[in-house]
């Protein structure tokens, strides 16, 4: 048994996949634990506002990256000056994160009046700090994965778990307390990331080298547009739900999606590892087949578990969430099986640097969910949104499978 485990650990595709999966699993565990504590100590209306604010912040951060996070993963392994490339990406990402956050805060009152509190008093300072630290943290994450050190990426994210006990100290502050606990824990992970990357010869330089960006900018920009489409549904949906169903509905959706996203960890992690292997010029066909088998082996039994026992999981938050969010959770969980092929296909196109096709696929998923989802929210409520999530991903799965069989010569 142990020789088999060692064999899998020596295989970079599996080792990196498992490390990324474990990282996402622990991140989700601490995230769920965090929201369990919040749900049991704060009213659902407060949770709804906090989750909408975090979702909006995530979307703003995605806008600010210009796809350079993906470009860093693709080009860092072959870069002749890694420090210059890493430092320039980090510097630009940080500046853009602050700039986009400032613009968002200026217009938030128009987009969603209920979130206007984000630009008032102490919350303004806490939110700007959150934007800056998160920008650096995410760049460190991508650098570690690119260097095939997903295990250290895992440890870095374990440190982020200190936000759970911190929440007890600031629970009386409501939404402000939630963001304060995130700020402090992100500072701790940032310090760990600086130390680890320095040990592996990657350090931040205070001078930017724009020439190091020329090679990756067009690739990054294409992935930037696609990345916006990928994050758009989950970032915008809580705000749409607040505006149509109400803040409580946003809380139910966020909790259901948080549990269902545990399933999406598997195809996302394996696809990321496949991307890293492709960036190191490993054989395409062999790694794609391994990736598909590995994803299905892990995903199917966990999906069945969530479908049967998901209501028990939601009881961890409270009886209210178990009663109101279980139906939506089951539908979102089923949709995960239809994310496997699109994830693999997008990764293949990233390896091939076909940013146009990446954009098409990401746009299709995003627009189907947003347009049909908004109609469903108005007509049938949250359950209708769950059915839309399945249909949208199933349509794109069929299209991606056809494109792979028809046009990928390596198959």
Foldseek 3Di string as FASTA:
>chain_A
DVVVVVVQCPPLLNVQLVLLLLLVLLLLVLVLLQLLVLLVLDPLLLLLLLLLVVLQLVLLLLLQQLLLLVLCLLPLVPDPDNQQSLQQSLVSSLVSLLVSVVVCLVCVCVLFVVNVCCCDDPNVVLSSLLSNLVSLLSSLLSNCVSVSNSNLSSVLSNLLSQLRVQLVVQVVVRSSSSSNSNSVSSVVSSVSSQVVCVVVVHHHDPDHDCVSCPVRNVLSNLVSLLSSLQSVCSSCVSSLCCVQVRSSLSSLVVSLVSVLCSLLSNLQSSLSSLLSCLSVVDDNPVSLVVSVVRSVVPRVVVLVVCLVCVLVVLCSNNNVSSVPRSLLSNLSNLLSVLVNLVSNLLSVCSSVSVSVVSNVLSNQLRVQLVVQLSVCCNPPNSNSSSNSSNVSSNVSSVVSVCCCVPPPPSD
